[in-house]
Protein backbone atom coordinates (compact mmCIF):
# COMPACT_ATOMS: atom_id res chain seq x y z
CA MET A 1 17.24 -44.24 29.58
CA SER A 2 17.67 -40.50 29.00
CA ARG A 3 14.78 -38.24 29.99
CA LEU A 4 14.91 -37.00 26.41
CA GLU A 5 13.95 -40.37 24.90
CA ASN A 6 10.50 -41.94 24.93
CA ASP A 7 10.13 -45.13 26.95
CA PHE A 8 7.59 -47.15 24.99
CA GLY A 9 7.18 -49.32 28.07
CA LEU A 10 5.05 -46.50 29.50
CA LEU A 11 2.41 -47.03 26.83
CA GLY A 12 -0.86 -48.78 27.57
CA GLU A 13 -1.52 -52.15 25.95
CA GLU A 14 -3.99 -50.72 23.40
CA ALA A 15 -1.53 -48.15 22.05
CA LYS A 16 1.32 -50.69 21.98
CA ALA A 17 -0.77 -53.13 20.01
CA TYR A 18 -1.92 -50.46 17.57
CA LEU A 19 1.38 -48.76 16.82
CA ASP A 20 3.90 -51.40 15.79
CA ARG A 21 2.83 -52.40 12.26
CA VAL A 22 2.29 -51.18 8.72
CA HIS A 23 -0.93 -49.16 8.63
CA GLY A 24 -3.13 -49.19 5.55
CA LEU A 25 -5.55 -46.59 4.25
CA HIS A 26 -9.17 -46.41 5.42
CA ILE A 27 -11.45 -46.53 2.38
CA GLY A 28 -15.10 -47.50 2.34
CA GLY A 29 -14.94 -48.83 5.88
CA ARG A 30 -12.03 -51.19 5.18
CA GLU A 31 -8.28 -51.11 5.73
CA VAL A 32 -6.63 -50.98 2.32
CA ALA A 33 -3.00 -52.02 1.90
CA THR A 34 -0.74 -50.32 -0.64
CA ARG A 35 2.37 -51.45 -2.42
CA ASP A 36 4.58 -48.82 -0.81
CA SER A 37 4.83 -47.49 2.73
CA TYR A 38 6.91 -44.93 4.58
CA ALA A 39 8.47 -44.73 8.05
CA LEU A 40 6.92 -43.01 11.06
CA CYS A 41 9.66 -41.85 13.41
CA ASP A 42 9.77 -41.00 17.11
CA PRO A 43 10.62 -37.28 17.44
CA THR A 44 12.65 -37.98 20.60
CA THR A 45 15.10 -40.32 18.82
CA GLY A 46 14.38 -40.27 15.09
CA ARG A 47 13.89 -44.04 15.18
CA GLU A 48 11.18 -45.77 13.16
CA PHE A 49 8.31 -47.19 15.23
CA ALA A 50 5.68 -47.94 12.54
CA ARG A 51 4.93 -47.52 8.85
CA ALA A 52 2.07 -45.87 6.98
CA ALA A 53 0.66 -46.46 3.51
CA GLU A 54 1.64 -44.46 0.46
CA ALA A 55 -1.55 -43.66 -1.45
CA GLY A 56 -1.47 -43.07 -5.19
CA PRO A 57 -3.95 -41.95 -7.84
CA ASP A 58 -5.89 -45.22 -7.79
CA GLU A 59 -6.36 -45.08 -4.02
CA ILE A 60 -7.48 -41.43 -4.15
CA ASP A 61 -10.01 -42.32 -6.83
CA ALA A 62 -11.26 -45.22 -4.71
CA ALA A 63 -11.59 -43.06 -1.59
CA VAL A 64 -13.50 -40.31 -3.39
CA ALA A 65 -15.72 -42.90 -5.08
CA ALA A 66 -16.50 -44.47 -1.69
CA ALA A 67 -17.37 -41.06 -0.28
CA ARG A 68 -19.58 -40.24 -3.25
CA THR A 69 -21.40 -43.58 -2.98
CA ALA A 70 -22.01 -43.01 0.73
CA LEU A 71 -23.17 -39.44 0.08
CA ASN A 72 -26.03 -40.73 -2.07
CA GLY A 73 -26.56 -43.95 -0.12
CA ASP A 74 -27.10 -44.89 3.52
CA TRP A 75 -25.86 -41.55 4.84
CA ALA A 76 -28.35 -39.60 2.74
CA THR A 77 -31.28 -41.68 4.01
CA LEU A 78 -30.58 -41.02 7.68
CA ARG A 79 -32.81 -38.45 9.29
CA PRO A 80 -31.04 -35.51 10.95
CA TYR A 81 -31.59 -36.85 14.47
CA GLU A 82 -29.95 -40.13 13.42
CA ARG A 83 -26.82 -38.29 12.23
CA GLU A 84 -26.81 -36.43 15.53
CA ARG A 85 -27.05 -39.65 17.57
CA ARG A 86 -24.13 -41.20 15.72
CA LEU A 87 -21.94 -38.16 16.29
CA LEU A 88 -22.83 -38.18 19.98
CA ARG A 89 -21.98 -41.87 20.16
CA LEU A 90 -18.66 -41.16 18.46
CA ALA A 91 -17.89 -38.52 21.10
CA ASP A 92 -18.52 -41.10 23.83
CA LEU A 93 -16.24 -43.62 22.11
CA LEU A 94 -13.54 -41.01 21.72
CA GLU A 95 -13.55 -40.36 25.46
CA ALA A 96 -13.62 -44.09 26.23
CA HIS A 97 -10.40 -44.50 24.23
CA GLU A 98 -8.70 -41.39 25.62
CA ARG A 99 -5.50 -43.07 26.79
CA GLU A 100 -4.99 -45.04 23.60
CA LEU A 101 -5.59 -42.08 21.28
CA SER A 102 -3.59 -39.57 23.31
CA GLU A 103 -0.62 -41.95 23.49
CA ILE A 104 -0.77 -42.62 19.75
CA GLU A 105 -0.82 -38.87 19.09
CA THR A 106 2.01 -38.18 21.53
CA VAL A 107 4.29 -40.82 20.03
CA CYS A 108 3.72 -39.50 16.50
CA SER A 109 3.97 -35.78 17.21
CA GLY A 110 6.11 -35.35 20.34
CA ARG A 111 3.37 -33.36 22.09
CA LEU A 112 2.70 -33.80 25.79
CA LEU A 113 0.14 -36.33 26.98
CA PRO A 114 -1.96 -33.73 28.87
CA ASN A 115 -2.15 -31.77 25.62
CA THR A 116 -3.13 -34.66 23.38
CA ALA A 117 -5.61 -35.98 25.96
CA GLY A 118 -7.15 -32.59 26.68
CA VAL A 119 -7.27 -31.17 23.17
CA ASP A 120 -7.23 -34.04 20.67
CA VAL A 121 -9.58 -36.20 22.75
CA GLY A 122 -11.44 -34.08 25.32
CA TYR A 123 -12.01 -30.98 23.21
CA SER A 124 -12.72 -33.09 20.14
CA ALA A 125 -15.52 -34.86 21.99
CA HIS A 126 -16.92 -31.43 22.85
CA VAL A 127 -16.75 -30.40 19.18
CA LEU A 128 -18.51 -33.59 18.06
CA ARG A 129 -21.36 -33.01 20.50
CA TYR A 130 -21.78 -29.37 19.52
CA MET A 131 -21.68 -30.10 15.80
CA GLY A 132 -23.95 -33.12 16.19
CA GLY A 133 -26.61 -30.81 17.57
CA TRP A 134 -26.57 -28.77 14.36
CA ALA A 135 -27.72 -31.76 12.31
CA THR A 136 -31.29 -31.14 13.49
CA LYS A 137 -31.18 -27.35 13.26
CA LEU A 138 -30.40 -26.60 9.62
CA GLU A 139 -33.32 -24.50 8.43
CA GLY A 140 -34.63 -22.77 5.35
CA GLN A 141 -37.10 -19.92 4.79
CA THR A 142 -40.52 -19.45 3.28
CA ALA A 143 -41.95 -16.42 1.51
CA ARG A 144 -45.01 -15.44 -0.49
CA LEU A 145 -43.61 -14.36 -3.83
CA SER A 146 -44.52 -11.62 -6.31
CA VAL A 147 -42.98 -12.59 -9.71
CA PRO A 148 -44.72 -9.76 -11.64
CA TYR A 149 -44.48 -11.51 -15.00
CA ILE A 150 -46.67 -14.41 -13.76
CA PRO A 151 -49.93 -12.48 -13.18
CA THR A 152 -52.24 -15.25 -11.93
CA GLY A 153 -52.19 -17.75 -9.12
CA ASP A 154 -50.47 -17.88 -5.77
CA LEU A 155 -46.68 -18.24 -5.61
CA GLN A 156 -44.88 -19.62 -2.57
CA GLY A 157 -41.10 -19.72 -2.19
CA PHE A 158 -39.03 -22.08 -0.08
CA THR A 159 -35.33 -22.47 0.59
CA PHE A 160 -33.54 -25.39 2.16
CA ARG A 161 -29.98 -26.48 2.74
CA GLU A 162 -28.35 -29.50 1.15
CA PRO A 163 -24.89 -30.95 1.86
CA VAL A 164 -22.33 -29.45 -0.48
CA GLY A 165 -21.01 -32.92 -1.42
CA VAL A 166 -17.75 -34.78 -0.90
CA VAL A 167 -15.25 -32.78 1.15
CA GLY A 168 -11.50 -33.13 0.78
CA ALA A 169 -9.79 -32.23 4.05
CA ILE A 170 -6.06 -31.77 4.65
CA VAL A 171 -4.78 -31.27 8.19
CA PRO A 172 -1.40 -30.52 9.84
CA TRP A 173 0.64 -32.33 12.47
CA ASN A 174 0.59 -29.80 15.29
CA VAL A 175 -2.88 -30.75 16.62
CA ALA A 176 -3.45 -33.68 14.31
CA LEU A 177 -6.60 -35.37 15.60
CA GLY A 178 -8.06 -32.17 17.06
CA ILE A 179 -7.99 -30.30 13.75
CA ALA A 180 -9.15 -33.41 11.88
CA VAL A 181 -12.27 -33.44 14.06
CA TRP A 182 -12.73 -29.71 13.37
CA LYS A 183 -13.06 -30.72 9.70
CA ILE A 184 -14.97 -33.98 10.10
CA ALA A 185 -17.65 -32.94 12.61
CA PRO A 186 -19.27 -30.01 10.74
CA ALA A 187 -19.06 -31.86 7.42
CA LEU A 188 -20.90 -34.88 8.82
CA ALA A 189 -23.41 -32.75 10.70
CA ALA A 190 -24.31 -31.10 7.39
CA GLY A 191 -24.71 -34.48 5.69
CA CYS A 192 -21.49 -34.40 3.67
CA THR A 193 -19.00 -37.22 3.32
CA ILE A 194 -15.26 -36.71 3.58
CA VAL A 195 -11.84 -37.87 2.43
CA LEU A 196 -9.22 -36.72 4.92
CA LYS A 197 -5.49 -36.58 4.42
CA PRO A 198 -3.51 -36.33 7.68
CA ALA A 199 -0.02 -34.88 7.84
CA PRO A 200 2.66 -37.45 6.91
CA GLN A 201 4.10 -37.44 10.44
CA THR A 202 0.82 -37.96 12.31
CA PRO A 203 -1.61 -40.23 10.42
CA LEU A 204 -2.36 -42.85 13.06
CA SER A 205 -4.86 -41.08 15.32
CA ALA A 206 -7.08 -40.26 12.34
CA LEU A 207 -6.94 -43.88 11.16
CA ARG A 208 -7.91 -45.10 14.63
CA PHE A 209 -10.68 -42.48 14.82
CA ALA A 210 -12.12 -43.76 11.54
CA ARG A 211 -12.52 -47.23 13.08
CA LEU A 212 -14.35 -45.70 16.03
CA ALA A 213 -16.65 -43.89 13.58
CA LEU A 214 -17.73 -47.25 12.17
CA GLU A 215 -18.32 -48.51 15.69
CA ALA A 216 -20.51 -45.44 16.33
CA GLY A 217 -22.74 -46.41 13.41
CA ILE A 218 -21.42 -43.98 10.80
CA PRO A 219 -21.77 -45.90 7.51
CA PRO A 220 -18.73 -47.11 5.55
CA GLY A 221 -17.49 -44.53 3.05
CA VAL A 222 -18.71 -41.51 4.99
CA LEU A 223 -15.20 -41.01 6.46
CA ASN A 224 -12.15 -42.10 4.47
CA ILE A 225 -8.48 -41.58 5.40
CA VAL A 226 -5.67 -41.45 2.83
CA THR A 227 -2.01 -41.11 3.83
CA GLY A 228 1.29 -40.40 2.12
CA SER A 229 4.75 -39.02 2.78
CA GLY A 230 4.72 -36.21 0.22
CA PRO A 231 2.48 -33.48 -1.17
CA GLU A 232 1.20 -35.60 -4.06
CA VAL A 233 -1.71 -37.12 -2.10
CA GLY A 234 -3.05 -33.70 -1.17
CA GLU A 235 -2.60 -32.42 -4.70
CA LEU A 236 -4.56 -35.37 -6.12
CA LEU A 237 -7.32 -34.80 -3.60
CA VAL A 238 -7.62 -31.07 -4.34
CA ARG A 239 -7.69 -31.63 -8.11
CA HIS A 240 -10.19 -34.50 -8.06
CA PRO A 241 -13.31 -33.47 -10.00
CA ASP A 242 -15.68 -35.16 -7.52
CA ILE A 243 -14.40 -33.14 -4.56
CA ALA A 244 -16.88 -30.31 -4.01
CA MET A 245 -15.09 -28.52 -1.16
CA VAL A 246 -11.54 -28.37 0.13
CA SER A 247 -10.97 -27.69 3.84
CA PHE A 248 -7.31 -27.09 4.68
CA THR A 249 -5.28 -26.11 7.70
CA GLY A 250 -1.58 -25.49 7.09
CA SER A 251 0.90 -23.07 5.63
CA THR A 252 -0.03 -19.96 3.68
CA GLU A 253 2.16 -21.06 0.77
CA VAL A 254 0.27 -24.34 0.32
CA GLY A 255 -3.08 -22.64 0.99
CA ARG A 256 -2.45 -20.20 -1.84
CA LYS A 257 -1.83 -23.08 -4.25
CA ILE A 258 -5.02 -24.82 -3.11
CA ALA A 259 -7.04 -21.64 -3.60
CA ALA A 260 -5.73 -21.22 -7.14
CA GLU A 261 -6.41 -24.86 -8.04
CA ALA A 262 -9.88 -24.88 -6.48
CA ALA A 263 -10.87 -21.64 -8.20
CA GLY A 264 -10.48 -23.26 -11.62
CA GLN A 265 -13.16 -25.84 -10.76
CA PHE A 266 -15.26 -23.48 -8.62
CA LYS A 267 -14.77 -25.66 -5.56
CA ARG A 268 -15.68 -24.21 -2.21
CA ILE A 269 -12.69 -23.65 0.10
CA SER A 270 -12.00 -23.11 3.76
CA LEU A 271 -8.36 -22.25 4.48
CA GLU A 272 -6.99 -21.74 8.00
CA LEU A 273 -3.40 -20.73 7.39
CA GLY A 274 -0.39 -19.28 9.17
CA GLY A 275 -0.22 -16.72 11.92
CA LYS A 276 2.10 -14.36 13.76
CA SER A 277 -0.20 -13.36 16.59
CA PRO A 278 0.72 -10.41 18.83
CA VAL A 279 0.32 -10.32 22.61
CA ILE A 280 -0.11 -6.68 23.66
CA VAL A 281 0.53 -5.70 27.29
CA MET A 282 -0.71 -2.19 28.06
CA GLU A 283 0.56 -0.04 30.96
CA ASP A 284 -2.49 -0.84 33.12
CA ALA A 285 -2.27 -4.61 32.72
CA GLU A 286 -2.09 -7.00 35.66
CA VAL A 287 1.60 -7.80 35.22
CA ALA A 288 1.86 -11.26 36.76
CA ALA A 289 -1.13 -12.66 34.87
CA ALA A 290 -0.13 -11.03 31.58
CA SER A 291 3.45 -12.27 31.85
CA GLU A 292 2.47 -15.86 32.59
CA ALA A 293 -0.06 -15.87 29.77
CA ALA A 294 2.48 -14.36 27.36
CA ALA A 295 4.95 -17.12 28.19
CA TRP A 296 2.50 -19.95 27.66
CA ALA A 297 0.99 -18.29 24.59
CA ILE A 298 4.27 -19.15 22.85
CA PHE A 299 5.65 -22.10 24.82
CA ALA A 300 2.47 -24.19 25.00
CA ASN A 301 2.50 -27.06 22.49
CA HIS A 302 6.18 -26.19 21.99
CA GLY A 303 5.23 -23.09 20.01
CA GLN A 304 3.62 -25.22 17.32
CA ASN A 305 0.31 -23.33 17.22
CA CYS A 306 -1.01 -21.30 14.30
CA CYS A 307 -2.22 -18.64 16.75
CA ALA A 308 0.75 -18.85 19.13
CA GLY A 309 1.58 -15.50 20.73
CA SER A 310 4.88 -15.24 18.90
CA ARG A 311 5.16 -11.42 19.03
CA LEU A 312 5.11 -9.75 22.45
CA TYR A 313 4.63 -5.97 22.64
CA VAL A 314 4.90 -4.45 26.13
CA HIS A 315 4.46 -0.85 27.22
CA ARG A 316 7.89 0.53 27.96
CA SER A 317 7.03 1.16 31.63
CA LEU A 318 6.54 -2.61 32.12
CA TYR A 319 8.91 -3.97 29.49
CA GLY A 320 11.79 -5.02 31.71
CA GLU A 321 9.57 -6.62 34.34
CA VAL A 322 7.48 -8.58 31.87
CA ILE A 323 10.54 -9.83 30.00
CA ASP A 324 12.12 -10.96 33.28
CA ARG A 325 8.98 -12.86 34.27
CA VAL A 326 8.65 -14.55 30.86
CA VAL A 327 12.33 -15.51 30.92
CA ALA A 328 11.96 -17.00 34.39
CA ILE A 329 9.16 -19.24 33.13
CA ALA A 330 11.17 -20.19 30.04
CA GLU A 331 14.18 -21.16 32.12
CA SER A 332 12.04 -23.24 34.47
CA ILE A 333 10.87 -25.49 31.62
CA GLU A 334 12.77 -28.76 31.45
CA LEU A 335 12.89 -30.52 28.09
CA SER A 336 11.67 -34.09 28.49
CA ALA A 337 10.29 -37.01 26.53
CA PRO A 338 6.57 -36.39 26.16
CA LEU A 339 5.48 -39.78 27.50
CA LEU A 340 6.88 -38.88 30.92
CA PRO A 341 4.07 -37.86 33.27
CA ASP A 342 5.95 -34.78 34.51
CA ALA A 343 7.15 -33.54 31.10
CA ALA A 344 6.86 -29.77 30.58
CA MET A 345 8.06 -29.47 26.98
CA GLY A 346 8.81 -32.21 24.48
CA PRO A 347 10.46 -32.15 21.07
CA LEU A 348 9.29 -30.51 17.88
CA VAL A 349 7.79 -32.86 15.34
CA ASN A 350 11.09 -33.76 13.64
CA GLN A 351 14.65 -32.67 12.97
CA ALA A 352 13.69 -30.65 9.89
CA GLN A 353 11.41 -28.49 12.02
CA ARG A 354 14.12 -28.11 14.66
CA GLN A 355 16.59 -26.86 12.05
CA ARG A 356 14.03 -24.44 10.65
CA VAL A 357 13.42 -22.94 14.10
CA LEU A 358 17.13 -22.63 14.88
CA ARG A 359 17.76 -20.90 11.55
CA TYR A 360 15.18 -18.25 12.45
CA VAL A 361 16.88 -17.72 15.80
CA GLU A 362 20.21 -17.24 14.05
CA ALA A 363 18.61 -14.83 11.59
CA GLY A 364 17.06 -12.81 14.41
CA LEU A 365 20.42 -12.43 16.12
CA ALA A 366 22.13 -11.51 12.86
CA GLU A 367 19.48 -8.84 12.26
CA GLY A 368 20.07 -7.25 15.66
CA ALA A 369 17.70 -8.89 18.14
CA ARG A 370 19.01 -9.51 21.65
CA LEU A 371 19.06 -13.09 22.94
CA VAL A 372 17.73 -13.16 26.48
CA THR A 373 17.39 -16.91 26.96
CA GLY A 374 17.41 -20.14 24.98
CA GLY A 375 18.26 -20.10 21.32
CA THR A 376 19.96 -23.49 21.42
CA ALA A 377 19.18 -27.19 21.28
CA PRO A 378 20.50 -29.92 23.56
CA ASP A 379 23.23 -32.21 22.21
CA HIS A 380 20.79 -35.00 21.50
CA VAL A 381 19.23 -36.68 18.46
CA GLY A 382 15.72 -35.65 19.56
CA ALA A 383 14.09 -32.66 17.85
CA TYR A 384 14.34 -30.41 20.90
CA VAL A 385 14.72 -26.62 21.03
CA ARG A 386 15.02 -24.71 24.30
CA PRO A 387 12.38 -22.03 25.00
CA THR A 388 13.76 -18.86 23.48
CA VAL A 389 13.20 -15.13 24.02
CA LEU A 390 14.64 -12.55 21.63
CA ALA A 391 14.16 -8.96 22.81
CA ASP A 392 14.29 -5.56 21.09
CA ALA A 393 12.78 -6.99 17.92
CA GLU A 394 12.22 -4.76 14.89
CA PRO A 395 9.40 -5.11 12.32
CA GLN A 396 11.72 -5.75 9.37
CA MET A 397 13.37 -8.83 10.94
CA SER A 398 12.52 -12.12 9.23
CA SER A 399 11.92 -13.72 12.63
CA VAL A 400 9.26 -11.05 13.29
CA LYS A 401 7.65 -11.23 9.85
CA ASP A 402 7.60 -15.00 9.30
CA GLU A 403 5.84 -17.79 11.15
CA ILE A 404 8.55 -19.77 12.95
CA PHE A 405 6.29 -22.47 14.45
CA GLY A 406 8.47 -23.17 17.44
CA PRO A 407 9.11 -21.92 21.00
CA VAL A 408 10.62 -18.59 19.93
CA LEU A 409 9.25 -15.30 21.25
CA MET A 410 10.06 -11.96 19.61
CA ALA A 411 9.59 -9.06 22.05
CA ALA A 412 9.62 -5.28 21.75
CA ALA A 413 8.60 -2.19 23.74
CA PHE A 414 6.16 0.52 22.70
CA GLU A 415 5.12 3.96 24.00
CA ARG A 416 1.57 4.71 22.77
CA GLU A 417 -1.56 2.78 21.86
CA GLU A 418 -1.42 3.93 18.24
CA ASP A 419 2.21 2.76 18.05
CA VAL A 420 1.45 -0.77 19.17
CA LEU A 421 -1.57 -1.03 16.87
CA ALA A 422 0.69 -0.12 13.97
CA LEU A 423 3.21 -2.77 15.07
CA ALA A 424 0.56 -5.42 15.56
CA ASN A 425 -1.06 -4.77 12.17
CA ASP A 426 2.28 -4.59 10.36
CA SER A 427 2.04 -8.25 9.37
CA ARG A 428 0.87 -10.21 6.37
CA PHE A 429 -0.92 -12.48 8.85
CA GLY A 430 -4.17 -11.78 10.68
CA LEU A 431 -5.23 -14.79 12.72
CA GLY A 432 -5.40 -13.70 16.37
CA ALA A 433 -4.25 -11.10 18.89
CA SER A 434 -4.58 -10.61 22.64
CA VAL A 435 -4.73 -7.36 24.60
CA TRP A 436 -4.00 -7.07 28.31
CA THR A 437 -5.67 -4.03 29.85
CA ARG A 438 -8.30 -2.99 32.42
CA ASP A 439 -9.58 -0.06 30.34
CA VAL A 440 -12.98 -0.91 28.83
CA ASP A 441 -12.92 1.95 26.33
CA ARG A 442 -9.49 0.82 25.15
CA VAL A 443 -10.80 -2.73 24.73
CA HIS A 444 -13.44 -1.51 22.28
CA ARG A 445 -11.02 0.70 20.36
CA MET A 446 -8.33 -1.94 20.00
CA THR A 447 -10.73 -4.77 19.20
CA ARG A 448 -12.02 -2.76 16.25
CA ALA A 449 -8.57 -1.64 15.14
CA LEU A 450 -6.76 -4.99 15.17
CA GLU A 451 -6.69 -6.65 11.73
CA VAL A 452 -7.28 -10.23 12.87
CA GLY A 453 -10.05 -12.80 12.96
CA SER A 454 -10.00 -13.28 16.75
CA VAL A 455 -9.25 -10.75 19.50
CA TRP A 456 -8.78 -12.04 23.05
CA ILE A 457 -8.92 -9.71 26.04
CA ASN A 458 -6.88 -10.70 29.12
CA VAL A 459 -6.57 -14.22 27.75
CA HIS A 460 -4.83 -15.74 24.73
CA ASN A 461 -5.84 -18.50 22.33
CA ALA A 462 -9.25 -19.09 23.91
CA LEU A 463 -11.06 -21.07 21.20
CA ASP A 464 -14.65 -21.98 21.90
CA VAL A 465 -16.65 -24.15 19.54
CA ALA A 466 -19.53 -21.63 19.63
CA LEU A 467 -17.38 -18.90 18.03
CA PRO A 468 -16.00 -18.94 14.47
CA PHE A 469 -12.23 -19.27 14.15
CA GLY A 470 -10.54 -18.01 11.01
CA GLY A 471 -8.06 -15.50 9.72
CA TRP A 472 -7.70 -12.35 7.72
CA LYS A 473 -5.07 -11.48 5.12
CA ASP A 474 -2.55 -14.32 4.62
CA SER A 475 -4.10 -16.24 7.50
CA GLY A 476 -6.79 -17.56 5.22
CA VAL A 477 -10.48 -17.51 4.36
CA GLY A 478 -13.47 -19.22 5.92
CA ASN A 479 -13.98 -20.46 9.45
CA ASP A 480 -13.62 -23.55 11.56
CA LEU A 481 -15.88 -24.09 14.57
CA SER A 482 -19.33 -22.60 15.25
CA GLU A 483 -22.49 -22.54 13.16
CA ALA A 484 -20.47 -20.88 10.40
CA ALA A 485 -18.46 -24.06 9.84
CA VAL A 486 -21.60 -26.18 9.48
CA LEU A 487 -23.30 -23.74 7.08
CA ALA A 488 -20.12 -23.62 4.97
CA HIS A 489 -20.69 -27.31 4.21
CA THR A 490 -24.18 -26.64 2.82
CA ARG A 491 -25.60 -25.06 -0.30
CA ILE A 492 -28.95 -23.34 -0.56
CA LYS A 493 -31.61 -24.53 -2.94
CA ALA A 494 -34.63 -22.37 -3.74
CA SER A 495 -38.01 -23.79 -4.81
CA VAL A 496 -41.06 -21.97 -6.20
CA HIS A 497 -44.55 -23.49 -5.94
CA HIS A 498 -47.34 -22.12 -8.15
CA HIS A 499 -50.92 -22.68 -7.08
CA ALA A 500 -53.53 -21.80 -9.70
């Protein structure tokens, strides 16, 4: 067997048993079959390995109804510490099923096993535990009131937080279970219920997670999973009148449509959208560390990260050396099937994504960028693209302006700090940026000047659950992670008590 094709014989027995069948929806704690299904295909070969359910309007109505019933039922009667205990138990179950879940995710997405195990399972357990702790820490305020037009008696004011309601969540395929947990955990900690739509390519880990949630004691209907091969399922979910909040991670184009639709019904939204994050290497940077980080900022997860370091700006005095170091790392990466234990880079999620990435490479070359390495795909049916570096990039190039979502790095040199800030901010996106320098004063200046939601200093893409993660400009509104994500799933109610 070619090293570019998954060997399903490497899978553990749990993943094997789970994968090879038609998977229904998860509604009200039960698996629900549908009339139609669609194929799930192995990114290394394009061959079908399972099927998933096609939800329609009736199934969306049923899922939202189940979530609404649970919102006002068993879930609402649990005390905060009981919600916390169930989320903690779910984190333990997630870790206990690490191999099964990581293998399911790897087969669906083409991502490496260390990535799916470390992020989709390990980090997700961390998120569940952090968010579970917030269930017991949602507080209000008290105040003695004035109300001048009520002249007698004593007036006391109180505020408290209630769950916003049923949340509709839509997540992408690039970190499928990990981002699903980013949506699920704060919603449940706040007392909400949720209907989640995974990406068409990667629905199985979320479906398996929903079964573990039942095992953890989370009541039926609190977490529902609906799947489908096209955009219709997400559109039905966003438009549904009983959805109080939409939480979405995906493209800016889809996010803009969701925002417009939600505005008409005054739904709350949280949109984490595209990115074109710059990596900035100043003249005083530690070259070896900055170069290695710049390489993996774009090549990790095969470049399929919303905050991938897809634009590299290097001070001219270091430009040649940094490019050479990044290229050496790129050329050392062997493309391999992601189930192999020594795989360094697997395929993209499917052939359509591969063609999209290659078109952007061709456009970059046509617009004048210089190909340093990569830019091609192996002669194989798998959705592989070789790690690619295009140098001497200019701001007007489509491959610099647009999110490619693949292992393609656009690099350019700069002379002065103000020049690189102008380059970095010359983007419709504003998700993240990293700066490599030893100058503390410069750190403060550039952190304030960069038009992004997250600035990393001498590190890239360091996401901690204690810090909010969200974008500016076309990178979205709202935040995942941190206390901010929990509070976003609550609404404040004020109460006035009059004592004669």
